[in-house]
Each structure stands twice: as C-alpha cells, then as structure tokens.
Amino acid sequence: MGATGIDFEAVFRALPGAVALLSKDLVFADANEAYLRLSGRTREEVLGRYLFDVFPDNPDDPAASGMRNLHASLCRVAASGEADSMALQRYDVEDPDRPGTWEERYWSPVNVPVFGPDGSVVLVLHRVEEVTELIRARGSRGGGDRARVLEAELYTRARELQELNQRLRDAHAREREVALHLQEAMLPEPDPLGHHSAAVRYRPATGALNVCGDWYDLFDLPGRRYTAVAVGDVVGHGLRAAGVMGQLRSALSAASRVAAGPAQALEVLGLYARFVKGAESTTAVSVFIDWSGHTLTYSSAGHPPPVLCAPDGTVTFLDLATDPPLGARPEHVTRPQSRTGFTEGSTLVLYTDGLVERRHEDIDIGLRRLADSVVRHRTADPESLADALLADLVPPAGITDDTALVVLRL
C-alpha cells in the first residue's frame, strides 16, 4: 500500500497491457495477468526464473533473433537507466500444451527502468503488445501472396530499423571512447603543492553518453602564497563537450594567474565563453587559498558549493557567492566573491553535480550525504578520502553523469 492509500500491487495486476517486472539479471520478479494470458504461462512458471529459460528462441528457425535483440535492449536499459522502444520483433513462442510446437508471433516491446531510492536501476519493466493478428489482417485483405509480401516488408523494415539503431549505438560508443581519451589527456595530475597534499578524480558516467564535460584544475599562483583550485561542468556530452571543456579550463587557468581574485577570473571566463559555441550554461567554481592568511576566497557561477570541513568535523558549504552560470545573463555583471577563514588541517572538497545529484531526489539530500561522508573520513589523507567519497556516494549501478572531484588538505 502506497503513501496515498493506493494498492499499487493491485493496480499492477489489473493493468490491461501486458507487463512483466525483471531484475537486472533478467529474472522474473512479477508479471501481471495480461502478460500471463498473452504468453500462455502461469505465474508459477515464470516467477523467479530467467526470462530466456522461459522464452527461448525457436530452435527450428536458424534466423531467429528475437532473444538476442530483447537481451540487448534489456541490458542497455539496466545499464543506462534510459527507456528503449524496440522495433517490431518476430519472437516465436512454444505452445505450452504442445511441447515442441512453436507459434509464429510478432511483438512490439518497450523496456523501461525502475529506479530505487538512491537513483539506481533496480528493476526493468518489460511491456509487450502483440501485433501478430494485425500483420495477418493486413495481409488477408490483399490475398495470400499480398499477405506474405506485406508481412515480409513490415518485418524487413523493422529489422532494418533495429540494425540502424545498433549501428548508431556502436558509433556513439566509439565517440565516447575517443572523448574519454581526450578528456584524460586534458586532465593530468596536478603539480605538487609544496607540503600540502591533494587528490583529484574523474569518473565518467556509467553506460551513458553524458560524459566529458567536467574538469578540475589546481595550481600555485605566482609568488606561491596562493593556490587556485577550480572545477567546472560543461552542458553537453561527447567530443563537443570535451573540446569546450578544454577551452574553458585553459581560459580560467590563464585568467586566474592575472586576476585579482576568483570572481574576476570567472568574469573573464564568462566574457570568453560568449564566443565559444557550446559553452552556454557552463557552471564553475573557483577558490583562491591564502596559505599565510588562512583564508579562502571563492566565487561560483551556478555550481554546487564546495565543502569545508574543520578538524573537529564542523562542515561549511561555501555558498555565499553564487551567481548564474556562464552566459546566463545577456549583459556583463560583476560577479560576487566571499571570504572565509580555515583552520590548519581542515579539508576542502570541490566536485561536480554528478557526485550528489540523483534522479527523483532533492539535491539537498545529496549534499547532506556528501557532508556526512566528508565528516566520517576527515582524518584520512586526501587520496584515501577521495576514494572513500566515491565509494560512499556513487550508486551500485554507477553514476548517470560524469564527475570531477578535488580533495585538498589545508
């Protein structure tokens, strides 16, 4: 029974469409009455069993591909968290009353992810609509020969669409791999910061294309009294986002070396971003660390706030100088800047939103989760702390947006 008083199990069973719930391992978790009627199976014959043990391909048809296509779609949904509407499939079904007898059947499947509280995929909803009678009816109106021609044409077009989709997915996968190599080349390990220790991490999204727009940077400013640290997030994905990221990262690095503070550096970056296609709505945050004065000066262009954790576990979000993302305003406006002190031994954490944002969850929950993790592991060295944060905050199914992370011991 849900919070609204609705019995959602009863609703599921009464749905007129044929729907099954599968685990990420493609084992039946449930099936409604319409699905059982359509497939000719009882609940006992499907629950707890692997989908393709219940519905294998027709062994008498060497060209059968329904099982392979459905398996690929379901695995893709489980990995990416994105719904997939499949092309028309021929998928013969064994007659339960006549073992060894296979019925020619045609289906229109749709596979949809079901998310858990942490935003990860926990189940896959598999909905099928049978179109066998529609194909037969189309053909019967034009005679036997015409029926076969129409049926073959419809099935051929569906197969072509399936193959085209697969080629597109392969092309996207190749682009993702190239973009990741480019991203890796543009995000090297930072230079040593004297006796101060730091750790950086980049994690691409799992099984998705929204990668390669996040960056980090960390370097000493002239005179070595100050250190600048920044992270940013370009809207978009793939090679285009990686190219924009490289331009903006370099521009902010150059501006930070001559600017009076982080706000002025972000102002320069915002003016530059107006002339870079794809840079609109990029978010970034920059922090200047004054080692001798024990102060942090920071400014944010629409980015999630850095976390400052004192040795006693007191957490402060650096959120008092936040302005809209780059290019969000048509006119140039001076960006805000704020300053706060820090105690030696404190920890500073900068990150991109992939670390804290989850589907169907308020971002404040993710920020609290981050703060709790930083407090728990605050005595660890930056390398260990960075690994611990990723272990605590990345869902079991992986992140759906790429993530950059910087951990610095002050």
Protein backbone atom coordinates (compact mmCIF):
# COMPACT_ATOMS: atom_id res chain seq x y z
CA MET A 1 0.00 0.00 0.00
CA GLY A 2 1.49 3.37 -1.04
CA ALA A 3 1.53 6.59 0.96
CA THR A 4 -1.60 7.71 -0.92
CA GLY A 5 -3.52 4.64 0.23
CA ILE A 6 -3.45 3.09 -3.26
CA ASP A 7 -2.70 -0.61 -3.53
CA PHE A 8 -0.14 -0.42 -6.35
CA GLU A 9 0.25 -4.20 -6.48
CA ALA A 10 -3.45 -4.49 -7.30
CA VAL A 11 -3.10 -1.74 -9.90
CA PHE A 12 -0.16 -3.58 -11.50
CA ARG A 13 -2.07 -6.83 -11.73
CA ALA A 14 -5.15 -5.10 -13.20
CA LEU A 15 -3.28 -3.22 -15.93
CA PRO A 16 -4.83 -4.04 -19.33
CA GLY A 17 -1.41 -4.03 -21.02
CA ALA A 18 0.93 -7.00 -20.73
CA VAL A 19 3.70 -6.06 -18.28
CA ALA A 20 6.46 -8.03 -16.54
CA LEU A 21 8.98 -6.85 -13.96
CA LEU A 22 12.51 -8.21 -14.34
CA SER A 23 15.55 -7.99 -12.12
CA LYS A 24 18.74 -6.55 -13.58
CA ASP A 25 19.78 -10.20 -14.10
CA LEU A 26 16.61 -10.64 -16.21
CA VAL A 27 14.84 -12.88 -13.73
CA PHE A 28 11.06 -12.53 -13.41
CA ALA A 29 10.15 -10.56 -10.28
CA ASP A 30 6.46 -10.31 -11.21
CA ALA A 31 4.07 -10.39 -14.16
CA ASN A 32 0.53 -9.09 -14.42
CA GLU A 33 -2.49 -11.11 -15.52
CA ALA A 34 -2.48 -9.68 -19.05
CA TYR A 35 1.14 -10.78 -19.56
CA LEU A 36 0.44 -14.29 -18.30
CA ARG A 37 -2.61 -14.64 -20.56
CA LEU A 38 -0.75 -13.36 -23.60
CA SER A 39 2.28 -15.57 -23.07
CA GLY A 40 0.24 -18.65 -22.14
CA ARG A 41 2.16 -19.16 -18.91
CA THR A 42 1.12 -19.40 -15.27
CA ARG A 43 2.62 -17.27 -12.53
CA GLU A 44 4.41 -20.31 -11.11
CA GLU A 45 6.03 -20.98 -14.50
CA VAL A 46 7.66 -17.55 -14.68
CA LEU A 47 8.34 -16.10 -11.21
CA GLY A 48 11.95 -16.48 -10.12
CA ARG A 49 13.03 -17.86 -13.49
CA TYR A 50 15.42 -16.40 -16.06
CA LEU A 51 13.47 -14.76 -18.88
CA PHE A 52 15.14 -16.68 -21.70
CA ASP A 53 14.78 -20.02 -19.96
CA VAL A 54 11.03 -19.42 -20.09
CA PHE A 55 11.05 -17.92 -23.60
CA PRO A 56 13.99 -19.21 -25.67
CA ASP A 57 14.34 -18.69 -29.42
CA ASN A 58 12.64 -21.11 -31.79
CA PRO A 59 15.30 -23.83 -32.29
CA ASP A 60 13.79 -24.70 -35.69
CA ASP A 61 14.41 -21.20 -37.05
CA PRO A 62 18.14 -20.61 -37.73
CA ALA A 63 17.44 -16.90 -38.41
CA ALA A 64 15.69 -16.31 -35.09
CA SER A 65 16.99 -13.13 -33.46
CA GLY A 66 14.23 -12.13 -31.03
CA MET A 67 16.07 -13.37 -27.95
CA ARG A 68 19.32 -11.63 -28.90
CA ASN A 69 17.58 -8.32 -29.66
CA LEU A 70 15.50 -8.37 -26.49
CA HIS A 71 18.50 -9.30 -24.34
CA ALA A 72 20.49 -6.36 -25.76
CA SER A 73 17.64 -3.93 -25.13
CA LEU A 74 17.03 -5.05 -21.54
CA CYS A 75 20.72 -4.93 -20.64
CA ARG A 76 21.02 -1.49 -22.19
CA VAL A 77 18.10 -0.18 -20.11
CA ALA A 78 19.54 -1.70 -16.92
CA ALA A 79 22.96 -0.13 -17.56
CA SER A 80 21.93 3.30 -18.87
CA GLY A 81 18.72 3.99 -16.93
CA GLU A 82 17.05 5.03 -20.21
CA ALA A 83 13.88 3.57 -21.73
CA ASP A 84 14.10 1.68 -25.03
CA SER A 85 11.25 1.22 -27.52
CA MET A 86 12.18 -1.72 -29.70
CA ALA A 87 11.35 -2.21 -33.36
CA LEU A 88 8.78 -4.84 -34.30
CA GLN A 89 10.13 -8.28 -33.37
CA ARG A 90 9.30 -11.75 -34.57
CA TYR A 91 9.64 -13.91 -31.48
CA ASP A 92 8.04 -17.36 -31.73
CA VAL A 93 6.56 -18.89 -28.58
CA GLU A 94 6.33 -22.58 -27.74
CA ASP A 95 2.77 -23.81 -27.27
CA PRO A 96 2.56 -24.80 -23.57
CA ASP A 97 0.02 -27.52 -24.42
CA ARG A 98 2.08 -28.95 -27.29
CA PRO A 99 5.77 -29.10 -26.39
CA GLY A 100 7.98 -28.74 -29.46
CA THR A 101 5.33 -26.81 -31.38
CA TRP A 102 6.23 -23.19 -31.99
CA GLU A 103 3.77 -20.45 -32.90
CA GLU A 104 4.86 -17.61 -35.17
CA ARG A 105 4.31 -14.41 -33.15
CA TYR A 106 5.10 -10.71 -33.64
CA TRP A 107 5.61 -8.23 -30.80
CA SER A 108 6.13 -4.53 -30.14
CA PRO A 109 8.17 -4.31 -26.88
CA VAL A 110 9.02 -1.32 -24.68
CA ASN A 111 11.53 -1.61 -21.83
CA VAL A 112 11.62 0.97 -19.03
CA PRO A 113 13.92 1.34 -15.98
CA VAL A 114 12.51 1.34 -12.43
CA PHE A 115 14.65 3.36 -10.03
CA GLY A 116 15.36 2.79 -6.34
CA PRO A 117 15.58 5.49 -3.66
CA ASP A 118 19.25 6.16 -4.48
CA GLY A 119 18.52 6.76 -8.16
CA SER A 120 19.98 3.47 -9.41
CA VAL A 121 18.09 1.00 -11.60
CA VAL A 122 16.61 -1.81 -9.51
CA LEU A 123 14.15 -3.37 -11.97
CA VAL A 124 13.30 -3.29 -15.65
CA LEU A 125 9.65 -3.03 -16.66
CA HIS A 126 9.06 -5.05 -19.84
CA ARG A 127 5.83 -4.19 -21.65
CA VAL A 128 4.77 -6.09 -24.77
CA GLU A 129 2.00 -5.63 -27.27
CA GLU A 130 1.29 -8.47 -29.66
CA VAL A 131 0.77 -7.44 -33.30
CA THR A 132 0.53 -10.90 -34.88
CA GLU A 133 -3.15 -10.51 -35.74
CA LEU A 134 -2.54 -7.03 -37.17
CA ILE A 135 0.05 -8.41 -39.58
CA ARG A 136 -2.26 -11.24 -40.59
CA ALA A 137 -5.20 -8.87 -41.03
CA ARG A 138 -3.16 -6.54 -43.24
CA GLY A 139 -2.26 -9.44 -45.49
CA SER A 140 -5.70 -11.10 -45.60
CA ARG A 141 -7.25 -8.06 -47.24
CA GLY A 142 -5.00 -8.42 -50.29
CA GLY A 143 -4.93 -12.18 -50.85
CA GLY A 144 -2.40 -14.80 -49.87
CA ASP A 145 0.52 -13.59 -51.97
CA ARG A 146 -0.04 -9.99 -51.00
CA ALA A 147 -0.27 -11.04 -47.36
CA ARG A 148 3.18 -12.55 -47.46
CA VAL A 149 4.61 -9.54 -49.30
CA LEU A 150 3.22 -7.08 -46.76
CA GLU A 151 4.27 -9.23 -43.84
CA ALA A 152 7.77 -9.62 -45.20
CA GLU A 153 8.04 -5.91 -45.95
CA LEU A 154 6.90 -4.88 -42.49
CA TYR A 155 9.22 -7.33 -40.82
CA THR A 156 12.15 -6.30 -43.06
CA ARG A 157 11.64 -2.61 -42.25
CA ALA A 158 11.61 -3.43 -38.54
CA ARG A 159 14.83 -5.45 -38.84
CA GLU A 160 16.46 -2.60 -40.75
CA LEU A 161 15.46 -0.15 -38.04
CA GLN A 162 16.89 -2.46 -35.39
CA GLU A 163 20.18 -2.75 -37.28
CA LEU A 164 20.33 1.03 -37.84
CA ASN A 165 19.82 1.61 -34.11
CA GLN A 166 22.64 -0.80 -33.35
CA ARG A 167 24.98 0.99 -35.77
CA LEU A 168 24.13 4.31 -34.12
CA ARG A 169 24.84 2.85 -30.68
CA ASP A 170 28.17 1.50 -31.93
CA ALA A 171 29.06 4.92 -33.35
CA HIS A 172 28.16 6.59 -30.06
CA ALA A 173 30.28 4.07 -28.17
CA ARG A 174 33.28 4.86 -30.40
CA GLU A 175 32.75 8.61 -29.90
CA ARG A 176 32.53 8.06 -26.14
CA GLU A 177 35.84 6.20 -26.13
CA VAL A 178 37.60 8.92 -28.14
CA ALA A 179 36.11 11.64 -25.92
CA LEU A 180 37.28 9.85 -22.78
CA HIS A 181 40.84 9.60 -24.13
CA LEU A 182 40.74 13.31 -24.96
CA GLN A 183 39.36 14.09 -21.51
CA GLU A 184 42.11 12.07 -19.86
CA ALA A 185 44.78 13.91 -21.84
CA MET A 186 43.38 17.31 -20.79
CA LEU A 187 43.01 16.42 -17.09
CA PRO A 188 46.53 15.48 -15.96
CA GLU A 189 47.65 15.03 -12.39
CA PRO A 190 48.21 18.45 -10.73
CA ASP A 191 51.67 19.80 -9.97
CA PRO A 192 52.97 19.32 -6.38
CA LEU A 193 51.76 21.99 -3.95
CA GLY A 194 54.72 22.18 -1.62
CA HIS A 195 53.95 20.40 1.67
CA HIS A 196 50.18 20.49 1.00
CA SER A 197 48.57 17.29 -0.26
CA ALA A 198 45.72 16.99 -2.76
CA ALA A 199 43.88 14.31 -4.71
CA VAL A 200 41.90 14.58 -7.95
CA ARG A 201 39.46 12.14 -9.54
CA TYR A 202 37.43 11.96 -12.75
CA ARG A 203 34.73 9.32 -13.19
CA PRO A 204 32.77 9.02 -16.45
CA ALA A 205 29.07 8.22 -16.43
CA THR A 206 28.26 4.51 -16.50
CA GLY A 207 26.85 3.23 -19.78
CA ALA A 208 25.73 6.67 -20.94
CA LEU A 209 26.85 9.39 -23.32
CA ASN A 210 26.74 12.38 -20.95
CA VAL A 211 30.48 12.30 -20.32
CA CYS A 212 33.46 14.54 -20.91
CA GLY A 213 32.14 17.95 -19.88
CA ASP A 214 33.59 18.09 -16.34
CA TRP A 215 37.01 19.45 -15.43
CA TYR A 216 39.24 20.30 -12.48
CA ASP A 217 42.33 22.46 -12.10
CA LEU A 218 44.76 23.02 -9.23
CA PHE A 219 47.92 25.13 -9.30
CA ASP A 220 50.03 27.61 -7.34
CA LEU A 221 49.67 31.25 -8.31
CA PRO A 222 52.75 33.46 -8.90
CA GLY A 223 54.63 34.02 -5.64
CA ARG A 224 53.39 30.65 -4.24
CA ARG A 225 51.49 32.37 -1.43
CA TYR A 226 48.20 31.44 -3.06
CA THR A 227 46.83 28.31 -4.67
CA ALA A 228 43.92 28.35 -7.11
CA VAL A 229 41.56 25.39 -7.33
CA ALA A 230 38.56 25.13 -9.62
CA VAL A 231 36.04 22.68 -11.04
CA GLY A 232 33.56 23.16 -13.87
CA ASP A 233 30.82 21.39 -15.80
CA VAL A 234 30.00 21.94 -19.48
CA VAL A 235 26.46 21.20 -20.61
CA GLY A 236 26.50 18.51 -23.30
CA HIS A 237 28.44 15.34 -23.91
CA GLY A 238 30.93 13.59 -26.12
CA LEU A 239 33.66 15.15 -28.23
CA ARG A 240 31.99 18.56 -28.46
CA ALA A 241 31.74 18.87 -24.68
CA ALA A 242 35.32 17.66 -24.25
CA GLY A 243 36.54 20.30 -26.71
CA VAL A 244 34.59 23.08 -24.97
CA MET A 245 35.82 21.85 -21.60
CA GLY A 246 39.44 22.09 -22.74
CA GLN A 247 38.99 25.66 -23.95
CA LEU A 248 37.24 26.85 -20.78
CA ARG A 249 39.68 25.09 -18.45
CA SER A 250 42.65 26.73 -20.18
CA ALA A 251 40.93 30.13 -20.21
CA LEU A 252 40.12 30.01 -16.49
CA SER A 253 43.64 28.85 -15.67
CA ALA A 254 45.12 31.79 -17.59
CA ALA A 255 42.66 34.31 -16.12
CA SER A 256 43.30 33.10 -12.56
CA ARG A 257 47.03 33.83 -12.89
CA VAL A 258 46.45 37.55 -13.52
CA ALA A 259 43.06 38.22 -11.86
CA ALA A 260 42.67 40.00 -8.53
CA GLY A 261 40.51 37.14 -7.24
CA PRO A 262 38.26 34.26 -8.27
CA ALA A 263 35.27 36.49 -9.09
CA GLN A 264 37.29 38.47 -11.59
CA ALA A 265 38.67 35.25 -13.09
CA LEU A 266 35.10 33.95 -13.60
CA GLU A 267 34.07 37.28 -15.12
CA VAL A 268 36.83 36.94 -17.71
CA LEU A 269 35.79 33.33 -18.32
CA GLY A 270 32.17 34.40 -18.80
CA LEU A 271 33.14 37.01 -21.41
CA TYR A 272 35.28 34.44 -23.23
CA ALA A 273 32.50 31.81 -23.09
CA ARG A 274 30.22 34.07 -25.13
CA PHE A 275 32.42 33.36 -28.14
CA VAL A 276 32.72 29.59 -27.60
CA LYS A 277 29.87 27.58 -29.13
CA GLY A 278 28.52 25.11 -26.61
CA ALA A 279 29.83 26.99 -23.55
CA GLU A 280 26.43 28.43 -22.64
CA SER A 281 25.15 27.48 -19.18
CA THR A 282 28.50 26.04 -18.09
CA THR A 283 28.89 26.08 -14.31
CA ALA A 284 32.18 26.61 -12.48
CA VAL A 285 33.52 27.46 -9.03
CA SER A 286 36.92 28.92 -8.19
CA VAL A 287 38.66 29.14 -4.81
CA PHE A 288 41.86 31.06 -4.04
CA ILE A 289 43.66 29.71 -0.96
CA ASP A 290 45.76 32.16 1.04
CA TRP A 291 48.11 29.89 2.96
CA SER A 292 49.70 32.55 5.17
CA GLY A 293 46.41 34.30 5.95
CA HIS A 294 44.47 31.04 6.38
CA THR A 295 41.59 32.30 4.25
CA LEU A 296 39.59 31.00 1.29
CA THR A 297 38.26 33.47 -1.26
CA TYR A 298 35.67 31.96 -3.58
CA SER A 299 33.13 32.67 -6.30
CA SER A 300 30.65 30.39 -8.05
CA ALA A 301 28.98 30.54 -11.45
CA GLY A 302 25.91 28.40 -10.73
CA HIS A 303 27.99 25.50 -9.40
CA PRO A 304 27.31 23.27 -6.34
CA PRO A 305 29.07 24.74 -3.29
CA PRO A 306 32.49 23.46 -2.17
CA VAL A 307 32.65 21.77 1.25
CA LEU A 308 34.99 22.97 4.02
CA CYS A 309 35.38 20.51 6.89
CA ALA A 310 37.25 21.62 10.03
CA PRO A 311 39.35 19.12 12.01
CA ASP A 312 36.55 18.92 14.63
CA GLY A 313 34.00 17.87 11.95
CA THR A 314 32.27 21.23 11.52
CA VAL A 315 31.08 21.49 7.91
CA THR A 316 30.61 24.73 5.98
CA PHE A 317 29.24 24.95 2.45
CA LEU A 318 30.86 27.81 0.55
CA ASP A 319 27.58 29.15 -0.82
CA LEU A 320 27.69 32.91 -0.11
CA ALA A 321 28.96 34.00 -3.54
CA THR A 322 26.82 32.17 -6.07
CA ASP A 323 25.78 33.73 -9.38
CA PRO A 324 24.14 32.32 -12.55
CA PRO A 325 26.10 30.02 -14.92
CA LEU A 326 28.26 31.38 -17.73
CA GLY A 327 26.32 33.17 -20.43
CA ALA A 328 23.07 33.18 -18.45
CA ARG A 329 22.89 36.98 -18.47
CA PRO A 330 22.83 38.99 -21.71
CA GLU A 331 24.86 41.80 -20.14
CA HIS A 332 28.15 41.78 -18.23
CA VAL A 333 27.67 41.99 -14.45
CA THR A 334 30.33 41.94 -11.72
CA ARG A 335 30.31 38.53 -10.03
CA PRO A 336 30.13 38.18 -6.23
CA GLN A 337 33.01 36.98 -4.10
CA SER A 338 33.19 35.86 -0.48
CA ARG A 339 35.92 35.00 2.03
CA THR A 340 36.10 32.64 4.98
CA GLY A 341 38.84 31.53 7.33
CA PHE A 342 40.07 27.99 7.81
CA THR A 343 41.93 26.08 10.48
CA GLU A 344 45.10 24.23 9.57
CA GLY A 345 44.28 20.57 9.00
CA SER A 346 40.87 21.35 7.51
CA THR A 347 39.70 19.64 4.31
CA LEU A 348 38.39 21.38 1.18
CA VAL A 349 36.30 19.39 -1.32
CA LEU A 350 35.25 20.62 -4.76
CA TYR A 351 33.11 18.44 -7.03
CA THR A 352 30.68 18.45 -9.94
CA ASP A 353 26.99 17.66 -9.67
CA GLY A 354 27.33 14.05 -10.82
CA LEU A 355 28.57 13.23 -7.32
CA VAL A 356 25.48 14.49 -5.49
CA GLU A 357 22.53 14.67 -7.90
CA ARG A 358 20.20 11.68 -8.29
CA ARG A 359 17.01 11.19 -10.26
CA HIS A 360 13.82 11.85 -8.30
CA GLU A 361 15.79 13.20 -5.32
CA ASP A 362 16.20 16.72 -3.96
CA ILE A 363 19.81 17.87 -4.28
CA ASP A 364 19.85 18.83 -0.58
CA ILE A 365 19.75 15.10 0.22
CA GLY A 366 22.86 14.56 -1.90
CA LEU A 367 24.63 17.49 -0.26
CA ARG A 368 23.88 16.10 3.20
CA ARG A 369 25.15 12.71 2.10
CA LEU A 370 28.37 14.34 0.92
CA ALA A 371 28.83 16.30 4.15
CA ASP A 372 28.26 13.18 6.26
CA SER A 373 30.84 11.24 4.25
CA VAL A 374 33.45 14.03 4.50
CA VAL A 375 32.98 14.21 8.28
CA ARG A 376 33.26 10.42 8.64
CA HIS A 377 36.52 10.22 6.69
CA ARG A 378 38.02 13.63 7.53
CA THR A 379 41.14 12.19 9.20
CA ALA A 380 42.10 10.20 6.09
CA ASP A 381 44.72 11.53 3.68
CA PRO A 382 43.30 13.20 0.53
CA GLU A 383 43.87 10.15 -1.71
CA SER A 384 42.06 7.84 0.71
CA LEU A 385 39.35 10.42 1.34
CA ALA A 386 38.69 10.84 -2.39
CA ASP A 387 38.28 7.07 -2.77
CA ALA A 388 36.02 6.92 0.28
CA LEU A 389 33.77 9.70 -1.05
CA LEU A 390 33.34 7.90 -4.37
CA ALA A 391 32.63 4.62 -2.58
CA ASP A 392 30.01 6.27 -0.35
CA LEU A 393 28.30 8.43 -2.95
CA VAL A 394 28.40 6.53 -6.24
CA PRO A 395 25.33 4.24 -6.51
CA PRO A 396 25.90 0.49 -7.06
CA ALA A 397 24.70 0.83 -10.65
CA GLY A 398 27.14 3.68 -11.31
CA ILE A 399 26.66 7.39 -11.86
CA THR A 400 24.48 8.81 -14.63
CA ASP A 401 26.58 11.94 -15.10
CA ASP A 402 30.34 12.30 -15.19
CA THR A 403 32.01 13.52 -12.02
CA ALA A 404 35.12 15.53 -11.19
CA LEU A 405 36.41 15.67 -7.63
CA VAL A 406 39.20 17.59 -5.86
CA VAL A 407 40.18 16.95 -2.23
CA LEU A 408 42.73 19.25 -0.60
CA ARG A 409 44.19 19.17 2.91
CA LEU A 410 44.62 22.77 4.15
